[in-house]
Amino acid sequence: MDKVICRLTEEEKDEIEAIFERKVALENLTKLPDVVNNPALYEKLIADYGKTTIRFQKWWQTATEKYQLQGKEVRVDFENAQLLEV
């Protein structure tokens, strides 16, 4: 069973949830033939994915420092706005 590390603020939860959903959506778009076969669209998608990944990493960097998560395997429980140690 996962151990609750902390409760996220509503703002933190909303931010990581939006970034996570965007990241997953962009990953799924890269699998569509219409996107892959359109170089301009694919390039735009990859650029957006790069920016989203950086935002994702920065969020985790901030959370790691704030909640002292170094060395822990952690996941977000979006439903309960918590960080859980796996």
PDB file of N, CA and C in Angstrom:
ATOM      1  N   MET A   1       0.843  -1.186   0.000  1.00  0.00           N
ATOM      2  CA  MET A   1       0.000   0.000   0.000  1.00  0.00           C
ATOM      3  C   MET A   1       0.885   1.245   0.000  1.00  0.00           C
ATOM      4  N   ASP A   2       0.462   2.242  -0.772  1.00  0.00           N
ATOM      5  CA  ASP A   2       1.217   3.488  -0.872  1.00  0.00           C
ATOM      6  C   ASP A   2       1.073   4.314   0.404  1.00  0.00           C
ATOM      7  N   LYS A   3       2.163   4.981   0.756  1.00  0.00           N
ATOM      8  CA  LYS A   3       2.198   5.810   1.964  1.00  0.00           C
ATOM      9  C   LYS A   3       2.016   7.280   1.586  1.00  0.00           C
ATOM     10  N   VAL A   4       1.107   7.968   2.259  1.00  0.00           N
ATOM     11  CA  VAL A   4       0.883   9.386   2.001  1.00  0.00           C
ATOM     12  C   VAL A   4       2.074  10.179   2.524  1.00  0.00           C
ATOM     13  N   ILE A   5       2.676  10.970   1.646  1.00  0.00           N
ATOM     14  CA  ILE A   5       3.795  11.827   2.039  1.00  0.00           C
ATOM     15  C   ILE A   5       3.272  13.194   2.456  1.00  0.00           C
ATOM     16  N   CYS A   6       2.384  13.744   1.630  1.00  0.00           N
ATOM     17  CA  CYS A   6       1.840  15.062   1.930  1.00  0.00           C
ATOM     18  C   CYS A   6       0.597  15.326   1.096  1.00  0.00           C
ATOM     19  N   ARG A   7      -0.075  16.360   1.460  1.00  0.00           N
ATOM     20  CA  ARG A   7      -1.241  16.830   0.723  1.00  0.00           C
ATOM     21  C   ARG A   7      -0.788  18.007  -0.138  1.00  0.00           C
ATOM     22  N   LEU A   8      -1.177  18.014  -1.400  1.00  0.00           N
ATOM     23  CA  LEU A   8      -0.849  19.114  -2.303  1.00  0.00           C
ATOM     24  C   LEU A   8      -1.869  20.231  -2.144  1.00  0.00           C
ATOM     25  N   THR A   9      -1.424  21.443  -2.424  1.00  0.00           N
ATOM     26  CA  THR A   9      -2.388  22.534  -2.477  1.00  0.00           C
ATOM     27  C   THR A   9      -3.238  22.311  -3.730  1.00  0.00           C
ATOM     28  N   GLU A  10      -4.388  22.927  -3.775  1.00  0.00           N
ATOM     29  CA  GLU A  10      -5.258  22.796  -4.942  1.00  0.00           C
ATOM     30  C   GLU A  10      -4.551  23.311  -6.191  1.00  0.00           C
ATOM     31  N   GLU A  11      -3.796  24.384  -6.029  1.00  0.00           N
ATOM     32  CA  GLU A  11      -3.042  24.956  -7.151  1.00  0.00           C
ATOM     33  C   GLU A  11      -1.976  23.978  -7.656  1.00  0.00           C
ATOM     34  N   GLU A  12      -1.244  23.346  -6.741  1.00  0.00           N
ATOM     35  CA  GLU A  12      -0.222  22.366  -7.130  1.00  0.00           C
ATOM     36  C   GLU A  12      -0.860  21.190  -7.861  1.00  0.00           C
ATOM     37  N   LYS A  13      -1.956  20.690  -7.308  1.00  0.00           N
ATOM     38  CA  LYS A  13      -2.638  19.545  -7.923  1.00  0.00           C
ATOM     39  C   LYS A  13      -3.137  19.899  -9.320  1.00  0.00           C
ATOM     40  N   ASP A  14      -3.775  21.058  -9.443  1.00  0.00           N
ATOM     41  CA  ASP A  14      -4.303  21.477 -10.747  1.00  0.00           C
ATOM     42  C   ASP A  14      -3.190  21.649 -11.766  1.00  0.00           C
ATOM     43  N   GLU A  15      -2.072  22.216 -11.325  1.00  0.00           N
ATOM     44  CA  GLU A  15      -0.947  22.447 -12.231  1.00  0.00           C
ATOM     45  C   GLU A  15      -0.353  21.135 -12.742  1.00  0.00           C
ATOM     46  N   ILE A  16      -0.045  20.196 -11.848  1.00  0.00           N
ATOM     47  CA  ILE A  16       0.569  18.949 -12.289  1.00  0.00           C
ATOM     48  C   ILE A  16      -0.424  18.096 -13.073  1.00  0.00           C
ATOM     49  N   GLU A  17      -1.681  18.175 -12.719  1.00  0.00           N
ATOM     50  CA  GLU A  17      -2.686  17.411 -13.457  1.00  0.00           C
ATOM     51  C   GLU A  17      -2.805  17.919 -14.894  1.00  0.00           C
ATOM     52  N   ALA A  18      -2.807  19.228 -15.075  1.00  0.00           N
ATOM     53  CA  ALA A  18      -2.885  19.804 -16.419  1.00  0.00           C
ATOM     54  C   ALA A  18      -1.646  19.454 -17.238  1.00  0.00           C
ATOM     55  N   ILE A  19      -0.481  19.552 -16.625  1.00  0.00           N
ATOM     56  CA  ILE A  19       0.767  19.222 -17.328  1.00  0.00           C
ATOM     57  C   ILE A  19       0.771  17.744 -17.702  1.00  0.00           C
ATOM     58  N   PHE A  20       0.402  16.887 -16.753  1.00  0.00           N
ATOM     59  CA  PHE A  20       0.392  15.440 -16.982  1.00  0.00           C
ATOM     60  C   PHE A  20      -0.577  15.073 -18.114  1.00  0.00           C
ATOM     61  N   GLU A  21      -1.780  15.635 -18.075  1.00  0.00           N
ATOM     62  CA  GLU A  21      -2.773  15.325 -19.115  1.00  0.00           C
ATOM     63  C   GLU A  21      -2.299  15.793 -20.484  1.00  0.00           C
ATOM     64  N   ARG A  22      -1.686  16.965 -20.538  1.00  0.00           N
ATOM     65  CA  ARG A  22      -1.175  17.480 -21.806  1.00  0.00           C
ATOM     66  C   ARG A  22      -0.050  16.578 -22.330  1.00  0.00           C
ATOM     67  N   LYS A  23       0.845  16.166 -21.447  1.00  0.00           N
ATOM     68  CA  LYS A  23       1.971  15.297 -21.823  1.00  0.00           C
ATOM     69  C   LYS A  23       1.456  13.977 -22.417  1.00  0.00           C
ATOM     70  N   VAL A  24       0.487  13.364 -21.756  1.00  0.00           N
ATOM     71  CA  VAL A  24      -0.076  12.095 -22.230  1.00  0.00           C
ATOM     72  C   VAL A  24      -0.796  12.293 -23.568  1.00  0.00           C
ATOM     73  N   ALA A  25      -1.553  13.375 -23.689  1.00  0.00           N
ATOM     74  CA  ALA A  25      -2.265  13.649 -24.939  1.00  0.00           C
ATOM     75  C   ALA A  25      -1.280  13.826 -26.096  1.00  0.00           C
ATOM     76  N   LEU A  26      -0.201  14.565 -25.856  1.00  0.00           N
ATOM     77  CA  LEU A  26       0.804  14.770 -26.905  1.00  0.00           C
ATOM     78  C   LEU A  26       1.482  13.449 -27.274  1.00  0.00           C
ATOM     79  N   GLU A  27       1.755  12.613 -26.277  1.00  0.00           N
ATOM     80  CA  GLU A  27       2.341  11.294 -26.552  1.00  0.00           C
ATOM     81  C   GLU A  27       1.408  10.462 -27.420  1.00  0.00           C
ATOM     82  N   ASN A  28       0.117  10.514 -27.135  1.00  0.00           N
ATOM     83  CA  ASN A  28      -0.851   9.761 -27.926  1.00  0.00           C
ATOM     84  C   ASN A  28      -0.958  10.302 -29.347  1.00  0.00           C
ATOM     85  N   LEU A  29      -0.856  11.610 -29.510  1.00  0.00           N
ATOM     86  CA  LEU A  29      -0.921  12.202 -30.853  1.00  0.00           C
ATOM     87  C   LEU A  29       0.239  11.757 -31.731  1.00  0.00           C
ATOM     88  N   THR A  30       1.397  11.506 -31.129  1.00  0.00           N
ATOM     89  CA  THR A  30       2.556  11.078 -31.929  1.00  0.00           C
ATOM     90  C   THR A  30       2.342   9.698 -32.543  1.00  0.00           C
ATOM     91  N   LYS A  31       1.319   8.988 -32.115  1.00  0.00           N
ATOM     92  CA  LYS A  31       1.039   7.640 -32.631  1.00  0.00           C
ATOM     93  C   LYS A  31       0.058   7.651 -33.808  1.00  0.00           C
ATOM     94  N   LEU A  32      -0.520   8.812 -34.101  1.00  0.00           N
ATOM     95  CA  LEU A  32      -1.504   8.900 -35.178  1.00  0.00           C
ATOM     96  C   LEU A  32      -0.816   9.069 -36.530  1.00  0.00           C
ATOM     97  N   PRO A  33      -1.167   8.242 -37.508  1.00  0.00           N
ATOM     98  CA  PRO A  33      -0.540   8.334 -38.826  1.00  0.00           C
ATOM     99  C   PRO A  33      -0.682   9.718 -39.468  1.00  0.00           C
ATOM    100  N   ASP A  34      -1.836  10.367 -39.296  1.00  0.00           N
ATOM    101  CA  ASP A  34      -2.035  11.695 -39.887  1.00  0.00           C
ATOM    102  C   ASP A  34      -1.035  12.704 -39.350  1.00  0.00           C
ATOM    103  N   VAL A  35      -0.637  12.552 -38.113  1.00  0.00           N
ATOM    104  CA  VAL A  35       0.327  13.470 -37.500  1.00  0.00           C
ATOM    105  C   VAL A  35       1.742  13.117 -37.945  1.00  0.00           C
ATOM    106  N   VAL A  36       2.062  11.845 -37.889  1.00  0.00           N
ATOM    107  CA  VAL A  36       3.408  11.381 -38.243  1.00  0.00           C
ATOM    108  C   VAL A  36       3.725  11.687 -39.707  1.00  0.00           C
ATOM    109  N   ASN A  37       2.723  11.598 -40.567  1.00  0.00           N
ATOM    110  CA  ASN A  37       2.932  11.813 -42.003  1.00  0.00           C
ATOM    111  C   ASN A  37       2.834  13.284 -42.415  1.00  0.00           C
ATOM    112  N   ASN A  38       2.680  14.171 -41.450  1.00  0.00           N
ATOM    113  CA  ASN A  38       2.628  15.603 -41.735  1.00  0.00           C
ATOM    114  C   ASN A  38       3.816  16.255 -41.017  1.00  0.00           C
ATOM    115  N   PRO A  39       4.927  16.444 -41.733  1.00  0.00           N
ATOM    116  CA  PRO A  39       6.155  16.938 -41.095  1.00  0.00           C
ATOM    117  C   PRO A  39       5.988  18.239 -40.308  1.00  0.00           C
ATOM    118  N   ALA A  40       5.232  19.184 -40.835  1.00  0.00           N
ATOM    119  CA  ALA A  40       5.060  20.468 -40.141  1.00  0.00           C
ATOM    120  C   ALA A  40       4.297  20.275 -38.832  1.00  0.00           C
ATOM    121  N   LEU A  41       3.251  19.492 -38.888  1.00  0.00           N
ATOM    122  CA  LEU A  41       2.450  19.224 -37.687  1.00  0.00           C
ATOM    123  C   LEU A  41       3.255  18.419 -36.667  1.00  0.00           C
ATOM    124  N   TYR A  42       3.982  17.433 -37.156  1.00  0.00           N
ATOM    125  CA  TYR A  42       4.788  16.589 -36.274  1.00  0.00           C
ATOM    126  C   TYR A  42       5.869  17.420 -35.578  1.00  0.00           C
ATOM    127  N   GLU A  43       6.499  18.317 -36.320  1.00  0.00           N
ATOM    128  CA  GLU A  43       7.539  19.177 -35.747  1.00  0.00           C
ATOM    129  C   GLU A  43       6.959  20.074 -34.647  1.00  0.00           C
ATOM    130  N   LYS A  44       5.789  20.622 -34.914  1.00  0.00           N
ATOM    131  CA  LYS A  44       5.107  21.465 -33.931  1.00  0.00           C
ATOM    132  C   LYS A  44       4.748  20.657 -32.681  1.00  0.00           C
ATOM    133  N   LEU A  45       4.284  19.450 -32.896  1.00  0.00           N
ATOM    134  CA  LEU A  45       3.929  18.546 -31.791  1.00  0.00           C
ATOM    135  C   LEU A  45       5.150  18.229 -30.938  1.00  0.00           C
ATOM    136  N   ILE A  46       6.258  17.923 -31.569  1.00  0.00           N
ATOM    137  CA  ILE A  46       7.486  17.576 -30.842  1.00  0.00           C
ATOM    138  C   ILE A  46       7.991  18.782 -30.054  1.00  0.00           C
ATOM    139  N   ALA A  47       7.897  19.978 -30.624  1.00  0.00           N
ATOM    140  CA  ALA A  47       8.315  21.194 -29.916  1.00  0.00           C
ATOM    141  C   ALA A  47       7.436  21.406 -28.679  1.00  0.00           C
ATOM    142  N   ASP A  48       6.142  21.220 -28.830  1.00  0.00           N
ATOM    143  CA  ASP A  48       5.207  21.370 -27.713  1.00  0.00           C
ATOM    144  C   ASP A  48       5.488  20.311 -26.647  1.00  0.00           C
ATOM    145  N   TYR A  49       5.764  19.103 -27.094  1.00  0.00           N
ATOM    146  CA  TYR A  49       6.065  18.019 -26.153  1.00  0.00           C
ATOM    147  C   TYR A  49       7.333  18.334 -25.358  1.00  0.00           C
ATOM    148  N   GLY A  50       8.322  18.895 -26.017  1.00  0.00           N
ATOM    149  CA  GLY A  50       9.563  19.272 -25.336  1.00  0.00           C
ATOM    150  C   GLY A  50       9.301  20.298 -24.242  1.00  0.00           C
ATOM    151  N   LYS A  51       8.529  21.323 -24.559  1.00  0.00           N
ATOM    152  CA  LYS A  51       8.190  22.359 -23.575  1.00  0.00           C
ATOM    153  C   LYS A  51       7.387  21.780 -22.417  1.00  0.00           C
ATOM    154  N   THR A  52       6.454  20.899 -22.744  1.00  0.00           N
ATOM    155  CA  THR A  52       5.616  20.281 -21.711  1.00  0.00           C
ATOM    156  C   THR A  52       6.447  19.392 -20.796  1.00  0.00           C
ATOM    157  N   THR A  53       7.375  18.662 -21.373  1.00  0.00           N
ATOM    158  CA  THR A  53       8.255  17.796 -20.577  1.00  0.00           C
ATOM    159  C   THR A  53       9.119  18.622 -19.628  1.00  0.00           C
ATOM    160  N   ILE A  54       9.599  19.757 -20.088  1.00  0.00           N
ATOM    161  CA  ILE A  54      10.396  20.640 -19.228  1.00  0.00           C
ATOM    162  C   ILE A  54       9.539  21.157 -18.075  1.00  0.00           C
ATOM    163  N   ARG A  55       8.305  21.563 -18.363  1.00  0.00           N
ATOM    164  CA  ARG A  55       7.391  22.018 -17.299  1.00  0.00           C
ATOM    165  C   ARG A  55       7.144  20.892 -16.286  1.00  0.00           C
ATOM    166  N   PHE A  56       6.978  19.665 -16.789  1.00  0.00           N
ATOM    167  CA  PHE A  56       6.754  18.495 -15.947  1.00  0.00           C
ATOM    168  C   PHE A  56       7.954  18.277 -15.012  1.00  0.00           C
ATOM    169  N   GLN A  57       9.145  18.328 -15.573  1.00  0.00           N
ATOM    170  CA  GLN A  57      10.367  18.128 -14.789  1.00  0.00           C
ATOM    171  C   GLN A  57      10.553  19.239 -13.756  1.00  0.00           C
ATOM    172  N   LYS A  58      10.268  20.478 -14.144  1.00  0.00           N
ATOM    173  CA  LYS A  58      10.401  21.598 -13.210  1.00  0.00           C
ATOM    174  C   LYS A  58       9.413  21.467 -12.054  1.00  0.00           C
ATOM    175  N   TRP A  59       8.197  21.032 -12.352  1.00  0.00           N
ATOM    176  CA  TRP A  59       7.211  20.851 -11.286  1.00  0.00           C
ATOM    177  C   TRP A  59       7.731  19.835 -10.277  1.00  0.00           C
ATOM    178  N   TRP A  60       8.250  18.711 -10.776  1.00  0.00           N
ATOM    179  CA  TRP A  60       8.760  17.672  -9.878  1.00  0.00           C
ATOM    180  C   TRP A  60      10.004  18.142  -9.121  1.00  0.00           C
ATOM    181  N   GLN A  61      10.822  18.933  -9.767  1.00  0.00           N
ATOM    182  CA  GLN A  61      12.011  19.487  -9.099  1.00  0.00           C
ATOM    183  C   GLN A  61      11.583  20.354  -7.909  1.00  0.00           C
ATOM    184  N   THR A  62      10.623  21.223  -8.125  1.00  0.00           N
ATOM    185  CA  THR A  62      10.097  22.093  -7.075  1.00  0.00           C
ATOM    186  C   THR A  62       9.464  21.263  -5.957  1.00  0.00           C
ATOM    187  N   ALA A  63       8.651  20.281  -6.336  1.00  0.00           N
ATOM    188  CA  ALA A  63       7.992  19.427  -5.336  1.00  0.00           C
ATOM    189  C   ALA A  63       9.012  18.619  -4.546  1.00  0.00           C
ATOM    190  N   THR A  64      10.060  18.142  -5.213  1.00  0.00           N
ATOM    191  CA  THR A  64      11.101  17.366  -4.538  1.00  0.00           C
ATOM    192  C   THR A  64      11.789  18.196  -3.468  1.00  0.00           C
ATOM    193  N   GLU A  65      12.083  19.440  -3.790  1.00  0.00           N
ATOM    194  CA  GLU A  65      12.725  20.322  -2.812  1.00  0.00           C
ATOM    195  C   GLU A  65      11.756  20.684  -1.680  1.00  0.00           C
ATOM    196  N   LYS A  66      10.550  21.081  -2.031  1.00  0.00           N
ATOM    197  CA  LYS A  66       9.564  21.538  -1.041  1.00  0.00           C
ATOM    198  C   LYS A  66       9.163  20.428  -0.063  1.00  0.00           C
ATOM    199  N   TYR A  67       8.948  19.218  -0.592  1.00  0.00           N
ATOM    200  CA  TYR A  67       8.452  18.118   0.236  1.00  0.00           C
ATOM    201  C   TYR A  67       9.523  17.085   0.581  1.00  0.00           C
ATOM    202  N   GLN A  68      10.777  17.412   0.287  1.00  0.00           N
ATOM    203  CA  GLN A  68      11.926  16.549   0.611  1.00  0.00           C
ATOM    204  C   GLN A  68      11.718  15.121   0.098  1.00  0.00           C
ATOM    205  N   LEU A  69      11.605  15.009  -1.209  1.00  0.00           N
ATOM    206  CA  LEU A  69      11.303  13.721  -1.844  1.00  0.00           C
ATOM    207  C   LEU A  69      12.541  13.004  -2.378  1.00  0.00           C
ATOM    208  N   GLN A  70      13.732  13.562  -2.138  1.00  0.00           N
ATOM    209  CA  GLN A  70      14.953  12.967  -2.669  1.00  0.00           C
ATOM    210  C   GLN A  70      15.025  11.486  -2.287  1.00  0.00           C
ATOM    211  N   GLY A  71      15.305  10.665  -3.308  1.00  0.00           N
ATOM    212  CA  GLY A  71      15.494   9.239  -3.078  1.00  0.00           C
ATOM    213  C   GLY A  71      14.213   8.447  -2.897  1.00  0.00           C
ATOM    214  N   LYS A  72      13.066   9.084  -3.063  1.00  0.00           N
ATOM    215  CA  LYS A  72      11.787   8.389  -2.894  1.00  0.00           C
ATOM    216  C   LYS A  72      11.124   8.197  -4.249  1.00  0.00           C
ATOM    217  N   GLU A  73      10.456   7.061  -4.399  1.00  0.00           N
ATOM    218  CA  GLU A  73       9.642   6.831  -5.593  1.00  0.00           C
ATOM    219  C   GLU A  73       8.241   7.316  -5.259  1.00  0.00           C
ATOM    220  N   VAL A  74       7.799   8.322  -6.006  1.00  0.00           N
ATOM    221  CA  VAL A  74       6.584   9.044  -5.645  1.00  0.00           C
ATOM    222  C   VAL A  74       5.623   9.108  -6.828  1.00  0.00           C
ATOM    223  N   ARG A  75       4.351   9.125  -6.519  1.00  0.00           N
ATOM    224  CA  ARG A  75       3.328   9.352  -7.546  1.00  0.00           C
ATOM    225  C   ARG A  75       2.301  10.328  -7.002  1.00  0.00           C
ATOM    226  N   VAL A  76       1.538  10.931  -7.921  1.00  0.00           N
ATOM    227  CA  VAL A  76       0.494  11.868  -7.526  1.00  0.00           C
ATOM    228  C   VAL A  76      -0.839  11.132  -7.507  1.00  0.00           C
ATOM    229  N   ASP A  77      -1.569  11.303  -6.422  1.00  0.00           N
ATOM    230  CA  ASP A  77      -2.954  10.840  -6.339  1.00  0.00           C
ATOM    231  C   ASP A  77      -3.802  12.069  -6.650  1.00  0.00           C
ATOM    232  N   PHE A  78      -4.258  12.179  -7.893  1.00  0.00           N
ATOM    233  CA  PHE A  78      -5.000  13.358  -8.321  1.00  0.00           C
ATOM    234  C   PHE A  78      -6.348  13.468  -7.611  1.00  0.00           C
ATOM    235  N   GLU A  79      -6.968  12.349  -7.367  1.00  0.00           N
ATOM    236  CA  GLU A  79      -8.293  12.354  -6.733  1.00  0.00           C
ATOM    237  C   GLU A  79      -8.272  12.968  -5.342  1.00  0.00           C
ATOM    238  N   ASN A  80      -7.226  12.660  -4.584  1.00  0.00           N
ATOM    239  CA  ASN A  80      -7.124  13.137  -3.210  1.00  0.00           C
ATOM    240  C   ASN A  80      -6.094  14.248  -3.017  1.00  0.00           C
ATOM    241  N   ALA A  81      -5.494  14.702  -4.110  1.00  0.00           N
ATOM    242  CA  ALA A  81      -4.484  15.766  -4.079  1.00  0.00           C
ATOM    243  C   ALA A  81      -3.368  15.453  -3.090  1.00  0.00           C
ATOM    244  N   GLN A  82      -2.770  14.275  -3.265  1.00  0.00           N
ATOM    245  CA  GLN A  82      -1.703  13.828  -2.375  1.00  0.00           C
ATOM    246  C   GLN A  82      -0.504  13.328  -3.169  1.00  0.00           C
ATOM    247  N   LEU A  83       0.659  13.405  -2.542  1.00  0.00           N
ATOM    248  CA  LEU A  83       1.834  12.722  -3.045  1.00  0.00           C
ATOM    249  C   LEU A  83       1.969  11.439  -2.244  1.00  0.00           C
ATOM    250  N   LEU A  84       2.152  10.335  -2.959  1.00  0.00           N
ATOM    251  CA  LEU A  84       2.250   9.034  -2.312  1.00  0.00           C
ATOM    252  C   LEU A  84       3.601   8.404  -2.610  1.00  0.00           C
ATOM    253  N   GLU A  85       4.181   7.802  -1.598  1.00  0.00           N
ATOM    254  CA  GLU A  85       5.418   7.027  -1.798  1.00  0.00           C
ATOM    255  C   GLU A  85       4.997   5.631  -2.205  1.00  0.00           C
ATOM    256  N   VAL A  86       5.577   5.166  -3.317  1.00  0.00           N
ATOM    257  CA  VAL A  86       5.182   3.872  -3.861  1.00  0.00           C
ATOM    258  C   VAL A  86       6.005   2.756  -3.263  1.00  0.00           C
TER     259      VAL A  86
END
